[in-house]
């Protein structure tokens, strides 16, 4: 039996009732996930640590959001202050950090097995689901695709790791996960996924940190940012899950399922990520 690890993180924000300003600030809610063989995780962490040293970056966790805070300060000709989460990066050119992120995601291509998956909600759509219901749709889509991948080998099992979202939301995540596992859906039984969701802090987990980079790159790609598109095509696209060479519905899933939103994504990715 082989154990596989799946790491997932989110980017953006969703609310059942949204203002135009909220939609401009957070046009998408995204969940990323990558699936790998558990026995390669130790080496992945070692390679990540070496890469960070090569870029002369602090050992402290670097988040995708830090880059854009640094970029904003750079454009204003200022530096982060002590109240900013990225203050420890104040003397580092954000371009170097972006390059580090790209090379960190390239590490996933060195793995014997790796599949990446994204679930995406466009906040400009008419989706008015409760936050809990939307989370359930995202998690269901991710678990379905993990099950499809892991069940190829009858004895394999996947362990899922999420970044905590605060006490209340983390409780909701666990309840959703347990409900999906217990009641199932058209898959009926998630026989190749461990029955309990693992929540682990990102600063303790290289896997969660890489999932954060994945979701951030996808957010930038959807917004049409050139550098994000470059990273996606170079470092993410090769590991993106596909079905019969199609990525939509396999590695990139609109949530909820919507033919109009899927067509918009098809056109976007055809233009930027052929």
C-alpha atoms as a PDB file:
ATOM      1  CA  UNK A   1       0.000   0.000   0.000  1.00  0.00           C
ATOM      2  CA  UNK A   2       1.229   3.503  -0.859  1.00  0.00           C
ATOM      3  CA  UNK A   3       0.232   6.583   1.122  1.00  0.00           C
ATOM      4  CA  UNK A   4      -0.344   9.766  -0.828  1.00  0.00           C
ATOM      5  CA  UNK A   5      -0.432  13.279   0.643  1.00  0.00           C
ATOM      6  CA  UNK A   6      -2.763  16.007  -0.653  1.00  0.00           C
ATOM      7  CA  UNK A   7      -2.212  19.619   0.440  1.00  0.00           C
ATOM      8  CA  UNK A   8      -4.818  22.332  -0.087  1.00  0.00           C
ATOM      9  CA  UNK A   9      -5.030  26.071   0.549  1.00  0.00           C
ATOM     10  CA  UNK A  10      -7.283  28.939  -0.461  1.00  0.00           C
ATOM     11  CA  UNK A  11      -6.918  32.352  -2.057  1.00  0.00           C
ATOM     12  CA  UNK A  12      -9.477  35.134  -2.211  1.00  0.00           C
ATOM     13  CA  UNK A  13     -12.693  35.547  -0.293  1.00  0.00           C
ATOM     14  CA  UNK A  14     -16.321  34.559  -0.699  1.00  0.00           C
ATOM     15  CA  UNK A  15     -19.450  35.902   0.958  1.00  0.00           C
ATOM     16  CA  UNK A  16     -23.055  35.046   0.235  1.00  0.00           C
ATOM     17  CA  UNK A  17     -23.919  38.728  -0.166  1.00  0.00           C
ATOM     18  CA  UNK A  18     -21.176  40.763  -1.817  1.00  0.00           C
ATOM     19  CA  UNK A  19     -20.724  44.409  -2.718  1.00  0.00           C
ATOM     20  CA  UNK A  20     -19.171  45.608  -5.965  1.00  0.00           C
ATOM     21  CA  UNK A  21     -16.136  46.757  -3.991  1.00  0.00           C
ATOM     22  CA  UNK A  22     -15.706  43.298  -2.456  1.00  0.00           C
ATOM     23  CA  UNK A  23     -15.904  41.719  -5.898  1.00  0.00           C
ATOM     24  CA  UNK A  24     -13.259  44.100  -7.244  1.00  0.00           C
ATOM     25  CA  UNK A  25     -10.901  43.301  -4.379  1.00  0.00           C
ATOM     26  CA  UNK A  26     -11.626  39.552  -4.474  1.00  0.00           C
ATOM     27  CA  UNK A  27     -12.954  38.652  -7.941  1.00  0.00           C
ATOM     28  CA  UNK A  28     -12.364  34.934  -7.271  1.00  0.00           C
ATOM     29  CA  UNK A  29     -12.418  32.401  -4.477  1.00  0.00           C
ATOM     30  CA  UNK A  30      -9.907  29.662  -5.266  1.00  0.00           C
ATOM     31  CA  UNK A  31      -8.838  26.405  -3.665  1.00  0.00           C
ATOM     32  CA  UNK A  32      -5.686  24.673  -4.799  1.00  0.00           C
ATOM     33  CA  UNK A  33      -4.597  21.105  -4.118  1.00  0.00           C
ATOM     34  CA  UNK A  34      -1.619  19.015  -5.085  1.00  0.00           C
ATOM     35  CA  UNK A  35      -1.352  15.260  -4.657  1.00  0.00           C
ATOM     36  CA  UNK A  36       1.965  13.438  -4.244  1.00  0.00           C
ATOM     37  CA  UNK A  37       3.490  10.215  -2.964  1.00  0.00           C
ATOM     38  CA  UNK A  38       4.015  10.443   0.774  1.00  0.00           C
ATOM     39  CA  UNK A  39       7.415   8.791   0.674  1.00  0.00           C
ATOM     40  CA  UNK A  40       8.801  11.725  -1.338  1.00  0.00           C
ATOM     41  CA  UNK A  41       7.645  14.395   1.081  1.00  0.00           C
ATOM     42  CA  UNK A  42      10.827  14.457   3.158  1.00  0.00           C
ATOM     43  CA  UNK A  43      12.975  15.061   0.083  1.00  0.00           C
ATOM     44  CA  UNK A  44      10.585  17.761  -1.162  1.00  0.00           C
ATOM     45  CA  UNK A  45      10.994  19.590   2.158  1.00  0.00           C
ATOM     46  CA  UNK A  46      14.778  19.271   1.971  1.00  0.00           C
ATOM     47  CA  UNK A  47      14.885  20.583  -1.591  1.00  0.00           C
ATOM     48  CA  UNK A  48      12.602  23.480  -0.597  1.00  0.00           C
ATOM     49  CA  UNK A  49      14.924  24.416   2.286  1.00  0.00           C
ATOM     50  CA  UNK A  50      18.004  24.309   0.039  1.00  0.00           C
ATOM     51  CA  UNK A  51      16.244  26.472  -2.554  1.00  0.00           C
ATOM     52  CA  UNK A  52      15.348  29.061   0.075  1.00  0.00           C
ATOM     53  CA  UNK A  53      18.981  29.172   1.191  1.00  0.00           C
ATOM     54  CA  UNK A  54      20.119  29.569  -2.420  1.00  0.00           C
ATOM     55  CA  UNK A  55      17.895  32.637  -2.703  1.00  0.00           C
ATOM     56  CA  UNK A  56      19.206  33.917   0.645  1.00  0.00           C
ATOM     57  CA  UNK A  57      15.718  34.180   2.088  1.00  0.00           C
ATOM     58  CA  UNK A  58      14.785  33.990   5.781  1.00  0.00           C
ATOM     59  CA  UNK A  59      13.705  30.649   7.214  1.00  0.00           C
ATOM     60  CA  UNK A  60      10.381  32.211   8.226  1.00  0.00           C
ATOM     61  CA  UNK A  61       7.340  31.305   6.111  1.00  0.00           C
ATOM     62  CA  UNK A  62       6.898  33.352   2.942  1.00  0.00           C
ATOM     63  CA  UNK A  63       3.346  33.735   1.653  1.00  0.00           C
ATOM     64  CA  UNK A  64       2.122  34.688  -1.787  1.00  0.00           C
ATOM     65  CA  UNK A  65       0.324  37.676  -0.267  1.00  0.00           C
ATOM     66  CA  UNK A  66       3.661  39.033   0.985  1.00  0.00           C
ATOM     67  CA  UNK A  67       4.796  39.570  -2.610  1.00  0.00           C
ATOM     68  CA  UNK A  68       1.976  41.915  -3.456  1.00  0.00           C
ATOM     69  CA  UNK A  69       2.360  43.917  -0.249  1.00  0.00           C
ATOM     70  CA  UNK A  70       6.061  44.332  -1.078  1.00  0.00           C
ATOM     71  CA  UNK A  71       5.175  45.252  -4.661  1.00  0.00           C
ATOM     72  CA  UNK A  72       2.765  47.949  -3.462  1.00  0.00           C
ATOM     73  CA  UNK A  73       5.428  49.447  -1.215  1.00  0.00           C
ATOM     74  CA  UNK A  74       7.940  49.292  -4.069  1.00  0.00           C
ATOM     75  CA  UNK A  75       5.607  51.232  -6.351  1.00  0.00           C
ATOM     76  CA  UNK A  76       5.107  53.869  -3.656  1.00  0.00           C
ATOM     77  CA  UNK A  77       8.820  54.059  -2.910  1.00  0.00           C
ATOM     78  CA  UNK A  78       8.259  52.937   0.674  1.00  0.00           C
ATOM     79  CA  UNK A  79       9.126  49.922   2.829  1.00  0.00           C
ATOM     80  CA  UNK A  80       6.876  47.746   5.000  1.00  0.00           C
ATOM     81  CA  UNK A  81       6.535  48.844   8.614  1.00  0.00           C
ATOM     82  CA  UNK A  82       6.526  46.662  11.699  1.00  0.00           C
ATOM     83  CA  UNK A  83       2.754  46.170  11.472  1.00  0.00           C
ATOM     84  CA  UNK A  84       3.034  44.459   8.067  1.00  0.00           C
ATOM     85  CA  UNK A  85       3.236  40.659   8.008  1.00  0.00           C
ATOM     86  CA  UNK A  86       6.005  40.931   5.429  1.00  0.00           C
ATOM     87  CA  UNK A  87       8.176  43.289   7.511  1.00  0.00           C
ATOM     88  CA  UNK A  88      10.867  40.586   7.772  1.00  0.00           C
ATOM     89  CA  UNK A  89      11.226  40.835   3.971  1.00  0.00           C
ATOM     90  CA  UNK A  90      11.515  44.628   3.870  1.00  0.00           C
ATOM     91  CA  UNK A  91      15.065  44.663   2.465  1.00  0.00           C
ATOM     92  CA  UNK A  92      14.485  42.001  -0.202  1.00  0.00           C
ATOM     93  CA  UNK A  93      13.519  42.776  -3.801  1.00  0.00           C
ATOM     94  CA  UNK A  94      10.112  41.226  -4.397  1.00  0.00           C
ATOM     95  CA  UNK A  95      11.255  40.060  -7.846  1.00  0.00           C
ATOM     96  CA  UNK A  96      13.670  37.669  -6.127  1.00  0.00           C
ATOM     97  CA  UNK A  97      10.813  36.249  -4.066  1.00  0.00           C
ATOM     98  CA  UNK A  98       8.691  35.737  -7.190  1.00  0.00           C
ATOM     99  CA  UNK A  99      11.570  33.858  -8.799  1.00  0.00           C
ATOM    100  CA  UNK A 100      11.851  31.742  -5.665  1.00  0.00           C
ATOM    101  CA  UNK A 101       8.137  30.897  -5.834  1.00  0.00           C
ATOM    102  CA  UNK A 102       8.464  29.796  -9.445  1.00  0.00           C
ATOM    103  CA  UNK A 103      11.418  27.544  -8.676  1.00  0.00           C
ATOM    104  CA  UNK A 104       9.703  26.178  -5.575  1.00  0.00           C
ATOM    105  CA  UNK A 105       6.727  25.107  -7.715  1.00  0.00           C
ATOM    106  CA  UNK A 106       9.119  23.603 -10.258  1.00  0.00           C
ATOM    107  CA  UNK A 107      10.170  21.194  -7.490  1.00  0.00           C
ATOM    108  CA  UNK A 108       6.800  19.475  -7.935  1.00  0.00           C
ATOM    109  CA  UNK A 109       7.883  18.398 -11.412  1.00  0.00           C
ATOM    110  CA  UNK A 110      10.791  16.490  -9.870  1.00  0.00           C
ATOM    111  CA  UNK A 111       8.390  14.206  -8.034  1.00  0.00           C
ATOM    112  CA  UNK A 112       7.656  10.750  -9.424  1.00  0.00           C
ATOM    113  CA  UNK A 113       3.967  11.562  -9.138  1.00  0.00           C
ATOM    114  CA  UNK A 114       2.207  14.908  -8.733  1.00  0.00           C
ATOM    115  CA  UNK A 115      -1.205  16.171  -9.766  1.00  0.00           C
ATOM    116  CA  UNK A 116      -2.498  19.698  -9.171  1.00  0.00           C
ATOM    117  CA  UNK A 117      -6.171  20.673  -9.039  1.00  0.00           C
ATOM    118  CA  UNK A 118      -7.952  24.025  -8.677  1.00  0.00           C
ATOM    119  CA  UNK A 119     -11.563  24.817  -7.793  1.00  0.00           C
ATOM    120  CA  UNK A 120     -12.666  28.337  -8.696  1.00  0.00           C
ATOM    121  CA  UNK A 121     -15.687  30.502  -7.890  1.00  0.00           C
ATOM    122  CA  UNK A 122     -16.111  33.698  -9.889  1.00  0.00           C
ATOM    123  CA  UNK A 123     -17.535  36.253  -7.472  1.00  0.00           C
ATOM    124  CA  UNK A 124     -18.897  38.254 -10.408  1.00  0.00           C
ATOM    125  CA  UNK A 125     -21.351  35.425 -11.020  1.00  0.00           C
ATOM    126  CA  UNK A 126     -24.791  35.238  -9.437  1.00  0.00           C
ATOM    127  CA  UNK A 127     -23.724  32.611  -6.878  1.00  0.00           C
ATOM    128  CA  UNK A 128     -25.614  33.271  -3.639  1.00  0.00           C
ATOM    129  CA  UNK A 129     -24.859  30.106  -1.705  1.00  0.00           C
ATOM    130  CA  UNK A 130     -24.067  30.190   1.974  1.00  0.00           C
ATOM    131  CA  UNK A 131     -20.368  30.105   2.768  1.00  0.00           C
ATOM    132  CA  UNK A 132     -20.739  26.609   4.208  1.00  0.00           C
ATOM    133  CA  UNK A 133     -22.508  25.312   1.085  1.00  0.00           C
ATOM    134  CA  UNK A 134     -19.879  26.836  -1.178  1.00  0.00           C
ATOM    135  CA  UNK A 135     -17.054  25.339   0.887  1.00  0.00           C
ATOM    136  CA  UNK A 136     -18.796  21.970   0.591  1.00  0.00           C
ATOM    137  CA  UNK A 137     -18.903  22.238  -3.200  1.00  0.00           C
ATOM    138  CA  UNK A 138     -15.201  23.098  -3.356  1.00  0.00           C
ATOM    139  CA  UNK A 139     -14.187  20.288  -1.016  1.00  0.00           C
ATOM    140  CA  UNK A 140     -16.421  17.785  -2.816  1.00  0.00           C
ATOM    141  CA  UNK A 141     -14.859  18.673  -6.172  1.00  0.00           C
ATOM    142  CA  UNK A 142     -11.368  18.264  -4.727  1.00  0.00           C
ATOM    143  CA  UNK A 143     -12.130  14.951  -3.002  1.00  0.00           C
ATOM    144  CA  UNK A 144     -13.714  13.525  -6.133  1.00  0.00           C
ATOM    145  CA  UNK A 145     -10.567  14.187  -8.138  1.00  0.00           C
ATOM    146  CA  UNK A 146      -8.299  12.834  -5.427  1.00  0.00           C
ATOM    147  CA  UNK A 147     -10.412   9.675  -5.294  1.00  0.00           C
ATOM    148  CA  UNK A 148     -10.231   9.275  -9.086  1.00  0.00           C
ATOM    149  CA  UNK A 149      -6.439   9.498  -8.974  1.00  0.00           C
ATOM    150  CA  UNK A 150      -5.794   7.310  -5.938  1.00  0.00           C
ATOM    151  CA  UNK A 151      -8.233   4.520  -6.769  1.00  0.00           C
ATOM    152  CA  UNK A 152      -6.092   3.580  -9.779  1.00  0.00           C
ATOM    153  CA  UNK A 153      -4.085   1.434  -7.344  1.00  0.00           C
ATOM    154  CA  UNK A 154      -6.532  -0.535  -5.229  1.00  0.00           C
ATOM    155  CA  UNK A 155      -4.500  -0.444  -1.995  1.00  0.00           C
ATOM    156  CA  UNK A 156      -3.467   3.231  -2.028  1.00  0.00           C
ATOM    157  CA  UNK A 157      -4.782   5.793   0.449  1.00  0.00           C
ATOM    158  CA  UNK A 158      -4.679   9.609   0.416  1.00  0.00           C
ATOM    159  CA  UNK A 159      -4.317  11.788   3.512  1.00  0.00           C
ATOM    160  CA  UNK A 160      -5.696  15.320   3.117  1.00  0.00           C
ATOM    161  CA  UNK A 161      -4.116  18.398   4.726  1.00  0.00           C
ATOM    162  CA  UNK A 162      -5.778  21.837   4.864  1.00  0.00           C
ATOM    163  CA  UNK A 163      -4.578  25.115   6.317  1.00  0.00           C
ATOM    164  CA  UNK A 164      -6.771  26.153   9.307  1.00  0.00           C
ATOM    165  CA  UNK A 165      -9.104  29.108   8.682  1.00  0.00           C
ATOM    166  CA  UNK A 166      -9.746  30.168  12.257  1.00  0.00           C
ATOM    167  CA  UNK A 167     -11.678  28.263  14.888  1.00  0.00           C
ATOM    168  CA  UNK A 168     -15.201  28.637  13.455  1.00  0.00           C
ATOM    169  CA  UNK A 169     -14.325  28.048   9.804  1.00  0.00           C
ATOM    170  CA  UNK A 170     -12.009  25.167  10.670  1.00  0.00           C
ATOM    171  CA  UNK A 171     -14.891  23.528  12.526  1.00  0.00           C
ATOM    172  CA  UNK A 172     -17.067  24.010   9.446  1.00  0.00           C
ATOM    173  CA  UNK A 173     -14.391  22.438   7.237  1.00  0.00           C
ATOM    174  CA  UNK A 174     -14.187  19.373   9.474  1.00  0.00           C
ATOM    175  CA  UNK A 175     -17.979  19.019   9.559  1.00  0.00           C
ATOM    176  CA  UNK A 176     -18.201  19.315   5.771  1.00  0.00           C
ATOM    177  CA  UNK A 177     -15.432  16.765   5.268  1.00  0.00           C
ATOM    178  CA  UNK A 178     -17.064  14.303   7.696  1.00  0.00           C
ATOM    179  CA  UNK A 179     -20.453  14.788   6.026  1.00  0.00           C
ATOM    180  CA  UNK A 180     -19.041  14.134   2.550  1.00  0.00           C
ATOM    181  CA  UNK A 181     -17.183  11.060   3.784  1.00  0.00           C
ATOM    182  CA  UNK A 182     -20.249   9.715   5.563  1.00  0.00           C
ATOM    183  CA  UNK A 183     -22.969  10.481   3.050  1.00  0.00           C
ATOM    184  CA  UNK A 184     -20.987  10.542  -0.177  1.00  0.00           C
ATOM    185  CA  UNK A 185     -22.279  11.733  -3.540  1.00  0.00           C
ATOM    186  CA  UNK A 186     -22.299  10.161  -6.998  1.00  0.00           C
ATOM    187  CA  UNK A 187     -18.943   8.545  -6.120  1.00  0.00           C
ATOM    188  CA  UNK A 188     -20.807   6.968  -3.154  1.00  0.00           C
ATOM    189  CA  UNK A 189     -17.728   5.977  -1.159  1.00  0.00           C
ATOM    190  CA  UNK A 190     -14.384   7.718  -0.763  1.00  0.00           C
ATOM    191  CA  UNK A 191     -12.633   4.431  -0.168  1.00  0.00           C
ATOM    192  CA  UNK A 192      -9.155   5.753  -0.939  1.00  0.00           C
ATOM    193  CA  UNK A 193      -9.208   8.896   1.222  1.00  0.00           C
ATOM    194  CA  UNK A 194      -8.512   8.932   4.944  1.00  0.00           C
ATOM    195  CA  UNK A 195     -11.691   9.528   6.935  1.00  0.00           C
ATOM    196  CA  UNK A 196     -10.465  12.557   8.903  1.00  0.00           C
ATOM    197  CA  UNK A 197      -9.357  15.973   7.632  1.00  0.00           C
ATOM    198  CA  UNK A 198      -5.970  17.115   8.916  1.00  0.00           C
ATOM    199  CA  UNK A 199      -5.565  20.818   9.664  1.00  0.00           C
ATOM    200  CA  UNK A 200      -1.966  21.941   9.982  1.00  0.00           C
ATOM    201  CA  UNK A 201      -0.480  25.400  10.264  1.00  0.00           C
ATOM    202  CA  UNK A 202       1.205  26.616   7.115  1.00  0.00           C
ATOM    203  CA  UNK A 203       4.345  27.772   8.921  1.00  0.00           C
ATOM    204  CA  UNK A 204       4.821  24.138  10.004  1.00  0.00           C
ATOM    205  CA  UNK A 205       4.104  22.646   6.568  1.00  0.00           C
ATOM    206  CA  UNK A 206       6.044  23.008   3.325  1.00  0.00           C
ATOM    207  CA  UNK A 207       3.127  21.269   1.591  1.00  0.00           C
ATOM    208  CA  UNK A 208       0.650  23.953   2.672  1.00  0.00           C
ATOM    209  CA  UNK A 209       3.127  26.683   1.711  1.00  0.00           C
ATOM    210  CA  UNK A 210       3.388  25.251  -1.803  1.00  0.00           C
ATOM    211  CA  UNK A 211      -0.414  25.020  -1.993  1.00  0.00           C
ATOM    212  CA  UNK A 212      -0.522  28.721  -1.051  1.00  0.00           C
ATOM    213  CA  UNK A 213       1.830  29.512  -3.944  1.00  0.00           C
ATOM    214  CA  UNK A 214      -0.359  27.459  -6.294  1.00  0.00           C
ATOM    215  CA  UNK A 215      -3.568  29.266  -5.357  1.00  0.00           C
ATOM    216  CA  UNK A 216      -1.837  32.648  -5.570  1.00  0.00           C
ATOM    217  CA  UNK A 217      -0.437  31.927  -9.040  1.00  0.00           C
ATOM    218  CA  UNK A 218      -3.876  30.816 -10.195  1.00  0.00           C
ATOM    219  CA  UNK A 219      -5.440  34.029  -8.860  1.00  0.00           C
ATOM    220  CA  UNK A 220      -2.885  36.093 -10.762  1.00  0.00           C
ATOM    221  CA  UNK A 221      -3.390  34.011 -13.895  1.00  0.00           C
ATOM    222  CA  UNK A 222      -7.147  34.543 -13.806  1.00  0.00           C
ATOM    223  CA  UNK A 223      -6.567  38.287 -13.393  1.00  0.00           C
ATOM    224  CA  UNK A 224      -4.327  38.254 -16.457  1.00  0.00           C
ATOM    225  CA  UNK A 225      -1.068  39.188 -14.698  1.00  0.00           C
ATOM    226  CA  UNK A 226       1.794  38.434 -17.068  1.00  0.00           C
ATOM    227  CA  UNK A 227       4.250  37.120 -14.467  1.00  0.00           C
ATOM    228  CA  UNK A 228       1.622  34.829 -12.915  1.00  0.00           C
ATOM    229  CA  UNK A 229       0.766  33.469 -16.362  1.00  0.00           C
ATOM    230  CA  UNK A 230       4.454  32.773 -16.988  1.00  0.00           C
ATOM    231  CA  UNK A 231       4.754  30.873 -13.714  1.00  0.00           C
ATOM    232  CA  UNK A 232       1.550  28.955 -14.405  1.00  0.00           C
ATOM    233  CA  UNK A 233       2.676  27.856 -17.871  1.00  0.00           C
ATOM    234  CA  UNK A 234       6.200  26.988 -16.777  1.00  0.00           C
ATOM    235  CA  UNK A 235       5.778  25.568 -13.275  1.00  0.00           C
ATOM    236  CA  UNK A 236       2.118  24.582 -12.825  1.00  0.00           C
ATOM    237  CA  UNK A 237       0.684  23.520 -16.180  1.00  0.00           C
ATOM    238  CA  UNK A 238       2.908  20.391 -16.487  1.00  0.00           C
ATOM    239  CA  UNK A 239       1.481  18.919 -13.243  1.00  0.00           C
ATOM    240  CA  UNK A 240      -2.117  20.022 -13.840  1.00  0.00           C
ATOM    241  CA  UNK A 241      -4.547  17.118 -13.792  1.00  0.00           C
ATOM    242  CA  UNK A 242      -6.240  16.455 -17.117  1.00  0.00           C
ATOM    243  CA  UNK A 243      -8.687  13.987 -18.600  1.00  0.00           C
ATOM    244  CA  UNK A 244      -8.207  13.051 -22.248  1.00  0.00           C
ATOM    245  CA  UNK A 245      -5.926  16.106 -22.552  1.00  0.00           C
ATOM    246  CA  UNK A 246      -8.648  18.429 -21.263  1.00  0.00           C
ATOM    247  CA  UNK A 247      -7.937  20.478 -18.120  1.00  0.00           C
ATOM    248  CA  UNK A 248     -11.353  22.041 -17.514  1.00  0.00           C
ATOM    249  CA  UNK A 249     -13.444  19.828 -15.282  1.00  0.00           C
ATOM    250  CA  UNK A 250     -10.389  17.730 -14.466  1.00  0.00           C
ATOM    251  CA  UNK A 251      -7.668  20.010 -13.116  1.00  0.00           C
ATOM    252  CA  UNK A 252      -9.535  23.326 -13.205  1.00  0.00           C
ATOM    253  CA  UNK A 253     -13.125  23.182 -11.983  1.00  0.00           C
ATOM    254  CA  UNK A 254     -15.630  26.012 -11.791  1.00  0.00           C
ATOM    255  CA  UNK A 255     -17.721  25.968  -8.605  1.00  0.00           C
ATOM    256  CA  UNK A 256     -20.630  25.648  -8.855  1.00  0.00           C
ATOM    257  CA  UNK A 257     -20.668  23.819 -12.193  1.00  0.00           C
ATOM    258  CA  UNK A 258     -21.804  26.349 -14.761  1.00  0.00           C
ATOM    259  CA  UNK A 259     -21.491  26.130 -18.550  1.00  0.00           C
ATOM    260  CA  UNK A 260     -21.217  29.916 -18.944  1.00  0.00           C
ATOM    261  CA  UNK A 261     -18.407  30.218 -16.414  1.00  0.00           C
ATOM    262  CA  UNK A 262     -16.629  27.209 -17.905  1.00  0.00           C
ATOM    263  CA  UNK A 263     -16.737  28.779 -21.361  1.00  0.00           C
ATOM    264  CA  UNK A 264     -15.267  32.006 -19.973  1.00  0.00           C
ATOM    265  CA  UNK A 265     -12.436  30.038 -18.386  1.00  0.00           C
ATOM    266  CA  UNK A 266     -11.941  28.042 -21.580  1.00  0.00           C
ATOM    267  CA  UNK A 267     -11.488  31.261 -23.538  1.00  0.00           C
ATOM    268  CA  UNK A 268      -9.168  32.719 -20.882  1.00  0.00           C
ATOM    269  CA  UNK A 269      -6.887  29.695 -20.736  1.00  0.00           C
ATOM    270  CA  UNK A 270      -6.935  29.246 -24.513  1.00  0.00           C
ATOM    271  CA  UNK A 271      -5.661  32.815 -24.825  1.00  0.00           C
ATOM    272  CA  UNK A 272      -3.101  32.860 -22.019  1.00  0.00           C
ATOM    273  CA  UNK A 273      -2.204  29.222 -21.373  1.00  0.00           C
ATOM    274  CA  UNK A 274      -2.558  27.246 -24.629  1.00  0.00           C
END
